[in-house]
């Protein structure tokens, strides 16, 4: 049976949010028309951002063990609803027997702004240092903006930490402050380039800015991949 394999748990709430989006995006009218999904929720993977910044343990061995689990199950496509993990995208692809969708590519392709527009990337400090969003934006002719590391990024850090701690309303307040700064930067869109941030966005004032949800974009890419191959129709079990 073909299925989506999710390398998740980074963090757990973001993985649940991603799975919810997959379900809601699937064109199904009954259980049997949904896409088979198996998720490996691995919250003990070392901090990805800390490693990129040179202050933490290497998470790659744990990421690859997660890929091995999905290989053993025989998934048809792999998704990683953790942006910072895409710093090791090439290594993950090399280990995976199935194609691996790239969250930044999926997200940037959904931004409906003309070439030359300024797009602010909100992400962990590690993901910003890695630069994969900046490269994807440049590829499609959009200008990548990053938060001031002393003025705005601490609020982004707070937002991510608060979601991971279950302080969702407080995270929304932190994100509202960030987006207020964004309006002063004359950006056309903001990328929520950490999968915790869309959870906080439920409780924030978007200030009229286009918010590009990386988790939603990855879910759409995964669902499209599966539906094109009719994985959601693989088991036509009569209703009882």
C-alpha atoms as a PDB file:
ATOM      1  CA  UNK A   1       0.000   0.000   0.000  1.00  0.00           C
ATOM      2  CA  UNK A   2       1.428   3.422  -0.955  1.00  0.00           C
ATOM      3  CA  UNK A   3       1.422   5.949   1.848  1.00  0.00           C
ATOM      4  CA  UNK A   4       2.862   9.239   3.061  1.00  0.00           C
ATOM      5  CA  UNK A   5       5.684   8.859   5.558  1.00  0.00           C
ATOM      6  CA  UNK A   6       6.049  11.680   8.097  1.00  0.00           C
ATOM      7  CA  UNK A   7       9.327  12.206   9.907  1.00  0.00           C
ATOM      8  CA  UNK A   8       7.946  14.264  12.764  1.00  0.00           C
ATOM      9  CA  UNK A   9       8.008  15.045  16.452  1.00  0.00           C
ATOM     10  CA  UNK A  10      10.033  18.227  15.873  1.00  0.00           C
ATOM     11  CA  UNK A  11       7.943  19.422  17.595  1.00  0.00           C
ATOM     12  CA  UNK A  12       4.999  17.190  18.441  1.00  0.00           C
ATOM     13  CA  UNK A  13       2.372  19.938  18.198  1.00  0.00           C
ATOM     14  CA  UNK A  14       3.641  20.940  14.766  1.00  0.00           C
ATOM     15  CA  UNK A  15       3.387  17.326  13.607  1.00  0.00           C
ATOM     16  CA  UNK A  16      -0.207  17.058  14.830  1.00  0.00           C
ATOM     17  CA  UNK A  17      -1.011  20.336  13.070  1.00  0.00           C
ATOM     18  CA  UNK A  18       0.537  19.000   9.851  1.00  0.00           C
ATOM     19  CA  UNK A  19      -1.437  15.751  10.022  1.00  0.00           C
ATOM     20  CA  UNK A  20      -4.640  17.699  10.610  1.00  0.00           C
ATOM     21  CA  UNK A  21      -3.932  19.715   7.467  1.00  0.00           C
ATOM     22  CA  UNK A  22      -3.358  16.553   5.437  1.00  0.00           C
ATOM     23  CA  UNK A  23      -6.740  15.201   6.543  1.00  0.00           C
ATOM     24  CA  UNK A  24      -8.552  18.466   5.813  1.00  0.00           C
ATOM     25  CA  UNK A  25      -6.954  18.825   2.381  1.00  0.00           C
ATOM     26  CA  UNK A  26      -7.780  15.300   1.247  1.00  0.00           C
ATOM     27  CA  UNK A  27     -10.823  15.034  -1.073  1.00  0.00           C
ATOM     28  CA  UNK A  28     -12.603  12.327   0.895  1.00  0.00           C
ATOM     29  CA  UNK A  29     -16.202  11.611   1.837  1.00  0.00           C
ATOM     30  CA  UNK A  30     -15.540   8.511   3.931  1.00  0.00           C
ATOM     31  CA  UNK A  31     -12.712   6.890   5.876  1.00  0.00           C
ATOM     32  CA  UNK A  32     -11.697   4.669   2.982  1.00  0.00           C
ATOM     33  CA  UNK A  33     -11.008   7.646   0.698  1.00  0.00           C
ATOM     34  CA  UNK A  34      -8.335   9.160   2.921  1.00  0.00           C
ATOM     35  CA  UNK A  35      -4.623   8.835   2.243  1.00  0.00           C
ATOM     36  CA  UNK A  36      -2.705   6.202   4.208  1.00  0.00           C
ATOM     37  CA  UNK A  37      -0.165   7.981   6.424  1.00  0.00           C
ATOM     38  CA  UNK A  38       2.391   6.709   8.881  1.00  0.00           C
ATOM     39  CA  UNK A  39       4.099   9.166  11.204  1.00  0.00           C
ATOM     40  CA  UNK A  40       7.286   8.649  13.178  1.00  0.00           C
ATOM     41  CA  UNK A  41       7.063  11.206  15.985  1.00  0.00           C
ATOM     42  CA  UNK A  42      10.621  11.471  17.296  1.00  0.00           C
ATOM     43  CA  UNK A  43      10.814  14.342  19.796  1.00  0.00           C
ATOM     44  CA  UNK A  44      14.218  13.275  21.137  1.00  0.00           C
ATOM     45  CA  UNK A  45      16.038  14.333  17.957  1.00  0.00           C
ATOM     46  CA  UNK A  46      18.665  16.853  19.152  1.00  0.00           C
ATOM     47  CA  UNK A  47      17.934  20.533  18.582  1.00  0.00           C
ATOM     48  CA  UNK A  48      18.448  21.263  14.900  1.00  0.00           C
ATOM     49  CA  UNK A  49      18.940  25.011  15.197  1.00  0.00           C
ATOM     50  CA  UNK A  50      21.504  24.685  17.983  1.00  0.00           C
ATOM     51  CA  UNK A  51      23.579  22.322  15.876  1.00  0.00           C
ATOM     52  CA  UNK A  52      23.553  24.621  12.847  1.00  0.00           C
ATOM     53  CA  UNK A  53      24.691  27.455  15.101  1.00  0.00           C
ATOM     54  CA  UNK A  54      27.513  25.305  16.442  1.00  0.00           C
ATOM     55  CA  UNK A  55      26.200  24.960  20.000  1.00  0.00           C
ATOM     56  CA  UNK A  56      24.404  21.618  19.995  1.00  0.00           C
ATOM     57  CA  UNK A  57      24.600  17.919  19.241  1.00  0.00           C
ATOM     58  CA  UNK A  58      24.369  16.683  15.648  1.00  0.00           C
ATOM     59  CA  UNK A  59      20.773  15.560  14.944  1.00  0.00           C
ATOM     60  CA  UNK A  60      21.594  13.857  11.646  1.00  0.00           C
ATOM     61  CA  UNK A  61      22.086  10.332  13.055  1.00  0.00           C
ATOM     62  CA  UNK A  62      18.639  10.550  14.688  1.00  0.00           C
ATOM     63  CA  UNK A  63      17.073  11.934  11.506  1.00  0.00           C
ATOM     64  CA  UNK A  64      18.549   9.083   9.491  1.00  0.00           C
ATOM     65  CA  UNK A  65      17.278   6.494  11.966  1.00  0.00           C
ATOM     66  CA  UNK A  66      13.840   7.996  11.453  1.00  0.00           C
ATOM     67  CA  UNK A  67      14.248   7.649   7.701  1.00  0.00           C
ATOM     68  CA  UNK A  68      15.250   4.017   8.229  1.00  0.00           C
ATOM     69  CA  UNK A  69      11.947   3.439  10.046  1.00  0.00           C
ATOM     70  CA  UNK A  70      10.011   4.872   7.111  1.00  0.00           C
ATOM     71  CA  UNK A  71      12.120   2.865   4.658  1.00  0.00           C
ATOM     72  CA  UNK A  72      11.272  -0.320   6.552  1.00  0.00           C
ATOM     73  CA  UNK A  73       7.549   0.440   6.278  1.00  0.00           C
ATOM     74  CA  UNK A  74       7.850   1.113   2.555  1.00  0.00           C
ATOM     75  CA  UNK A  75       6.369   4.603   2.304  1.00  0.00           C
ATOM     76  CA  UNK A  76       5.897   6.174  -1.114  1.00  0.00           C
ATOM     77  CA  UNK A  77       6.935   9.723  -0.225  1.00  0.00           C
ATOM     78  CA  UNK A  78       8.585  11.350   2.794  1.00  0.00           C
ATOM     79  CA  UNK A  79       7.790  14.703   4.395  1.00  0.00           C
ATOM     80  CA  UNK A  80       9.555  16.386   7.311  1.00  0.00           C
ATOM     81  CA  UNK A  81       7.321  19.022   8.964  1.00  0.00           C
ATOM     82  CA  UNK A  82      10.327  20.661  10.617  1.00  0.00           C
ATOM     83  CA  UNK A  83      11.957  23.461   8.669  1.00  0.00           C
ATOM     84  CA  UNK A  84      15.351  23.448  10.376  1.00  0.00           C
ATOM     85  CA  UNK A  85      15.797  19.739   9.576  1.00  0.00           C
ATOM     86  CA  UNK A  86      15.977  20.691   5.895  1.00  0.00           C
ATOM     87  CA  UNK A  87      19.521  21.891   6.536  1.00  0.00           C
ATOM     88  CA  UNK A  88      20.288  18.161   6.091  1.00  0.00           C
ATOM     89  CA  UNK A  89      17.926  17.684   3.135  1.00  0.00           C
ATOM     90  CA  UNK A  90      20.578  16.175   0.839  1.00  0.00           C
ATOM     91  CA  UNK A  91      21.641  13.633   3.452  1.00  0.00           C
ATOM     92  CA  UNK A  92      18.011  12.724   4.169  1.00  0.00           C
ATOM     93  CA  UNK A  93      17.332  12.238   0.456  1.00  0.00           C
ATOM     94  CA  UNK A  94      20.402  10.060   0.085  1.00  0.00           C
ATOM     95  CA  UNK A  95      19.158   7.756   2.855  1.00  0.00           C
ATOM     96  CA  UNK A  96      15.479   7.671   1.870  1.00  0.00           C
ATOM     97  CA  UNK A  97      14.220   5.069  -0.587  1.00  0.00           C
ATOM     98  CA  UNK A  98      11.255   7.329  -1.393  1.00  0.00           C
ATOM     99  CA  UNK A  99      11.322  10.895  -2.732  1.00  0.00           C
ATOM    100  CA  UNK A 100      11.479  13.590  -0.052  1.00  0.00           C
ATOM    101  CA  UNK A 101       9.455  16.777  -0.515  1.00  0.00           C
ATOM    102  CA  UNK A 102      11.219  20.051   0.373  1.00  0.00           C
ATOM    103  CA  UNK A 103       9.238  22.321   2.694  1.00  0.00           C
ATOM    104  CA  UNK A 104      10.874  25.581   1.578  1.00  0.00           C
ATOM    105  CA  UNK A 105      10.346  24.860  -2.109  1.00  0.00           C
ATOM    106  CA  UNK A 106       6.692  23.995  -1.480  1.00  0.00           C
ATOM    107  CA  UNK A 107       6.169  27.132   0.594  1.00  0.00           C
ATOM    108  CA  UNK A 108       7.887  29.595  -1.741  1.00  0.00           C
ATOM    109  CA  UNK A 109       5.942  28.273  -4.733  1.00  0.00           C
ATOM    110  CA  UNK A 110       2.678  29.282  -2.993  1.00  0.00           C
ATOM    111  CA  UNK A 111       3.629  32.948  -2.553  1.00  0.00           C
ATOM    112  CA  UNK A 112       1.486  35.070  -4.859  1.00  0.00           C
ATOM    113  CA  UNK A 113       3.729  38.107  -5.182  1.00  0.00           C
ATOM    114  CA  UNK A 114       5.402  39.631  -8.271  1.00  0.00           C
ATOM    115  CA  UNK A 115       9.109  39.233  -8.900  1.00  0.00           C
ATOM    116  CA  UNK A 116      11.205  41.619  -6.878  1.00  0.00           C
ATOM    117  CA  UNK A 117       8.802  41.664  -3.925  1.00  0.00           C
ATOM    118  CA  UNK A 118      10.251  41.726  -0.421  1.00  0.00           C
ATOM    119  CA  UNK A 119       9.455  38.604   1.623  1.00  0.00           C
ATOM    120  CA  UNK A 120      10.295  38.313   5.321  1.00  0.00           C
ATOM    121  CA  UNK A 121      11.423  34.892   6.552  1.00  0.00           C
ATOM    122  CA  UNK A 122      10.466  33.995  10.122  1.00  0.00           C
ATOM    123  CA  UNK A 123      12.320  30.893  11.264  1.00  0.00           C
ATOM    124  CA  UNK A 124      14.720  29.565  13.844  1.00  0.00           C
ATOM    125  CA  UNK A 125      18.129  31.187  13.956  1.00  0.00           C
ATOM    126  CA  UNK A 126      19.571  27.946  12.602  1.00  0.00           C
ATOM    127  CA  UNK A 127      17.264  27.856   9.599  1.00  0.00           C
ATOM    128  CA  UNK A 128      18.111  31.478   8.838  1.00  0.00           C
ATOM    129  CA  UNK A 129      21.819  30.685   9.092  1.00  0.00           C
ATOM    130  CA  UNK A 130      21.367  27.684   6.799  1.00  0.00           C
ATOM    131  CA  UNK A 131      19.824  29.964   4.161  1.00  0.00           C
ATOM    132  CA  UNK A 132      17.640  27.491   2.301  1.00  0.00           C
ATOM    133  CA  UNK A 133      14.653  29.862   2.295  1.00  0.00           C
ATOM    134  CA  UNK A 134      16.811  32.705   1.020  1.00  0.00           C
ATOM    135  CA  UNK A 135      18.025  30.498  -1.826  1.00  0.00           C
ATOM    136  CA  UNK A 136      14.519  29.369  -2.773  1.00  0.00           C
ATOM    137  CA  UNK A 137      13.243  32.942  -2.793  1.00  0.00           C
ATOM    138  CA  UNK A 138      16.135  34.063  -4.973  1.00  0.00           C
ATOM    139  CA  UNK A 139      15.391  31.192  -7.359  1.00  0.00           C
ATOM    140  CA  UNK A 140      11.918  32.599  -8.092  1.00  0.00           C
ATOM    141  CA  UNK A 141      12.993  36.237  -8.143  1.00  0.00           C
ATOM    142  CA  UNK A 142      11.790  37.297  -4.698  1.00  0.00           C
ATOM    143  CA  UNK A 143      13.909  39.329  -2.283  1.00  0.00           C
ATOM    144  CA  UNK A 144      14.504  37.582   1.029  1.00  0.00           C
ATOM    145  CA  UNK A 145      14.380  39.707   4.154  1.00  0.00           C
ATOM    146  CA  UNK A 146      15.395  38.412   7.578  1.00  0.00           C
ATOM    147  CA  UNK A 147      14.530  39.801  11.024  1.00  0.00           C
ATOM    148  CA  UNK A 148      16.873  42.064  12.906  1.00  0.00           C
ATOM    149  CA  UNK A 149      18.686  39.578  15.152  1.00  0.00           C
ATOM    150  CA  UNK A 150      18.579  41.869  18.181  1.00  0.00           C
ATOM    151  CA  UNK A 151      15.217  43.598  17.786  1.00  0.00           C
ATOM    152  CA  UNK A 152      12.805  41.196  16.057  1.00  0.00           C
ATOM    153  CA  UNK A 153      14.343  37.708  16.161  1.00  0.00           C
ATOM    154  CA  UNK A 154      14.052  37.439  19.971  1.00  0.00           C
ATOM    155  CA  UNK A 155      10.273  37.762  19.567  1.00  0.00           C
ATOM    156  CA  UNK A 156      10.334  35.015  16.920  1.00  0.00           C
ATOM    157  CA  UNK A 157      12.371  32.860  19.302  1.00  0.00           C
ATOM    158  CA  UNK A 158       9.796  33.516  22.033  1.00  0.00           C
ATOM    159  CA  UNK A 159       6.934  32.559  19.710  1.00  0.00           C
ATOM    160  CA  UNK A 160       8.517  29.224  18.799  1.00  0.00           C
ATOM    161  CA  UNK A 161       9.455  28.430  22.397  1.00  0.00           C
ATOM    162  CA  UNK A 162       5.978  29.296  23.656  1.00  0.00           C
ATOM    163  CA  UNK A 163       4.267  26.964  21.173  1.00  0.00           C
ATOM    164  CA  UNK A 164       6.617  24.141  22.154  1.00  0.00           C
ATOM    165  CA  UNK A 165       5.722  24.840  25.794  1.00  0.00           C
ATOM    166  CA  UNK A 166       1.981  24.822  25.126  1.00  0.00           C
ATOM    167  CA  UNK A 167       1.631  28.588  25.648  1.00  0.00           C
ATOM    168  CA  UNK A 168      -0.279  29.140  22.419  1.00  0.00           C
ATOM    169  CA  UNK A 169      -2.068  32.388  23.244  1.00  0.00           C
ATOM    170  CA  UNK A 170       1.167  33.935  24.491  1.00  0.00           C
ATOM    171  CA  UNK A 171       2.861  32.779  21.290  1.00  0.00           C
ATOM    172  CA  UNK A 172       0.199  34.631  19.322  1.00  0.00           C
ATOM    173  CA  UNK A 173       1.012  37.821  21.201  1.00  0.00           C
ATOM    174  CA  UNK A 174       4.709  37.421  20.400  1.00  0.00           C
ATOM    175  CA  UNK A 175       3.918  36.841  16.736  1.00  0.00           C
ATOM    176  CA  UNK A 176       1.663  39.908  16.635  1.00  0.00           C
ATOM    177  CA  UNK A 177       4.593  42.028  17.786  1.00  0.00           C
ATOM    178  CA  UNK A 178       6.771  40.530  15.032  1.00  0.00           C
ATOM    179  CA  UNK A 179       4.176  41.231  12.345  1.00  0.00           C
ATOM    180  CA  UNK A 180       3.801  44.802  13.573  1.00  0.00           C
ATOM    181  CA  UNK A 181       7.525  45.218  12.921  1.00  0.00           C
ATOM    182  CA  UNK A 182       7.055  43.569   9.521  1.00  0.00           C
ATOM    183  CA  UNK A 183       4.611  46.255   8.425  1.00  0.00           C
ATOM    184  CA  UNK A 184       7.359  48.819   8.967  1.00  0.00           C
ATOM    185  CA  UNK A 185       9.705  46.839   6.690  1.00  0.00           C
ATOM    186  CA  UNK A 186       7.388  47.222   3.671  1.00  0.00           C
ATOM    187  CA  UNK A 187       7.340  43.495   2.996  1.00  0.00           C
ATOM    188  CA  UNK A 188       4.750  41.950   0.686  1.00  0.00           C
ATOM    189  CA  UNK A 189       4.576  38.599   2.453  1.00  0.00           C
ATOM    190  CA  UNK A 190       5.862  36.786   5.508  1.00  0.00           C
ATOM    191  CA  UNK A 191       6.995  33.169   5.453  1.00  0.00           C
ATOM    192  CA  UNK A 192       6.132  31.231   8.589  1.00  0.00           C
ATOM    193  CA  UNK A 193       9.277  29.170   8.176  1.00  0.00           C
ATOM    194  CA  UNK A 194       9.032  27.246  11.417  1.00  0.00           C
ATOM    195  CA  UNK A 195       6.147  24.813  11.784  1.00  0.00           C
ATOM    196  CA  UNK A 196       5.349  26.101  15.274  1.00  0.00           C
ATOM    197  CA  UNK A 197       4.601  29.596  13.957  1.00  0.00           C
ATOM    198  CA  UNK A 198       1.357  28.722  12.082  1.00  0.00           C
ATOM    199  CA  UNK A 199      -0.047  27.422  15.369  1.00  0.00           C
ATOM    200  CA  UNK A 200       0.643  30.795  16.977  1.00  0.00           C
ATOM    201  CA  UNK A 201      -0.883  32.552  13.963  1.00  0.00           C
ATOM    202  CA  UNK A 202      -4.342  31.388  15.064  1.00  0.00           C
ATOM    203  CA  UNK A 203      -4.061  33.877  17.924  1.00  0.00           C
ATOM    204  CA  UNK A 204      -2.341  36.843  16.303  1.00  0.00           C
ATOM    205  CA  UNK A 205      -3.098  39.984  14.335  1.00  0.00           C
ATOM    206  CA  UNK A 206      -1.717  39.437  10.841  1.00  0.00           C
ATOM    207  CA  UNK A 207      -1.777  43.194  10.167  1.00  0.00           C
ATOM    208  CA  UNK A 208      -3.075  42.531   6.644  1.00  0.00           C
ATOM    209  CA  UNK A 209       0.138  40.807   5.549  1.00  0.00           C
ATOM    210  CA  UNK A 210       0.104  37.637   3.423  1.00  0.00           C
ATOM    211  CA  UNK A 211       1.267  34.810   5.683  1.00  0.00           C
ATOM    212  CA  UNK A 212       2.809  31.856   3.873  1.00  0.00           C
ATOM    213  CA  UNK A 213       2.285  28.739   5.989  1.00  0.00           C
ATOM    214  CA  UNK A 214       5.155  26.290   5.421  1.00  0.00           C
ATOM    215  CA  UNK A 215       3.288  23.461   7.140  1.00  0.00           C
ATOM    216  CA  UNK A 216       0.209  23.961   4.967  1.00  0.00           C
ATOM    217  CA  UNK A 217       2.331  24.166   1.828  1.00  0.00           C
ATOM    218  CA  UNK A 218       4.060  20.884   2.674  1.00  0.00           C
ATOM    219  CA  UNK A 219       0.716  19.232   3.436  1.00  0.00           C
ATOM    220  CA  UNK A 220      -0.674  20.411   0.082  1.00  0.00           C
ATOM    221  CA  UNK A 221       2.383  19.068  -1.723  1.00  0.00           C
ATOM    222  CA  UNK A 222       2.063  15.718   0.029  1.00  0.00           C
ATOM    223  CA  UNK A 223      -1.672  15.423  -0.658  1.00  0.00           C
ATOM    224  CA  UNK A 224      -1.201  16.397  -4.302  1.00  0.00           C
ATOM    225  CA  UNK A 225       1.556  13.796  -4.672  1.00  0.00           C
ATOM    226  CA  UNK A 226      -0.692  11.102  -3.200  1.00  0.00           C
ATOM    227  CA  UNK A 227      -3.897  12.070  -5.001  1.00  0.00           C
ATOM    228  CA  UNK A 228      -2.147  12.218  -8.381  1.00  0.00           C
ATOM    229  CA  UNK A 229      -1.197   8.585  -7.758  1.00  0.00           C
ATOM    230  CA  UNK A 230      -4.673   7.744  -6.384  1.00  0.00           C
ATOM    231  CA  UNK A 231      -3.328   6.502  -3.073  1.00  0.00           C
ATOM    232  CA  UNK A 232      -6.532   7.733  -1.446  1.00  0.00           C
ATOM    233  CA  UNK A 233      -8.521   5.321  -3.636  1.00  0.00           C
ATOM    234  CA  UNK A 234      -6.253   2.320  -3.198  1.00  0.00           C
ATOM    235  CA  UNK A 235      -8.649   0.453  -0.943  1.00  0.00           C
ATOM    236  CA  UNK A 236     -12.252   0.550  -2.130  1.00  0.00           C
ATOM    237  CA  UNK A 237     -13.903  -1.050   0.867  1.00  0.00           C
ATOM    238  CA  UNK A 238     -17.726  -1.052   0.637  1.00  0.00           C
ATOM    239  CA  UNK A 239     -19.484   0.993   3.290  1.00  0.00           C
ATOM    240  CA  UNK A 240     -21.546  -0.955   5.803  1.00  0.00           C
END
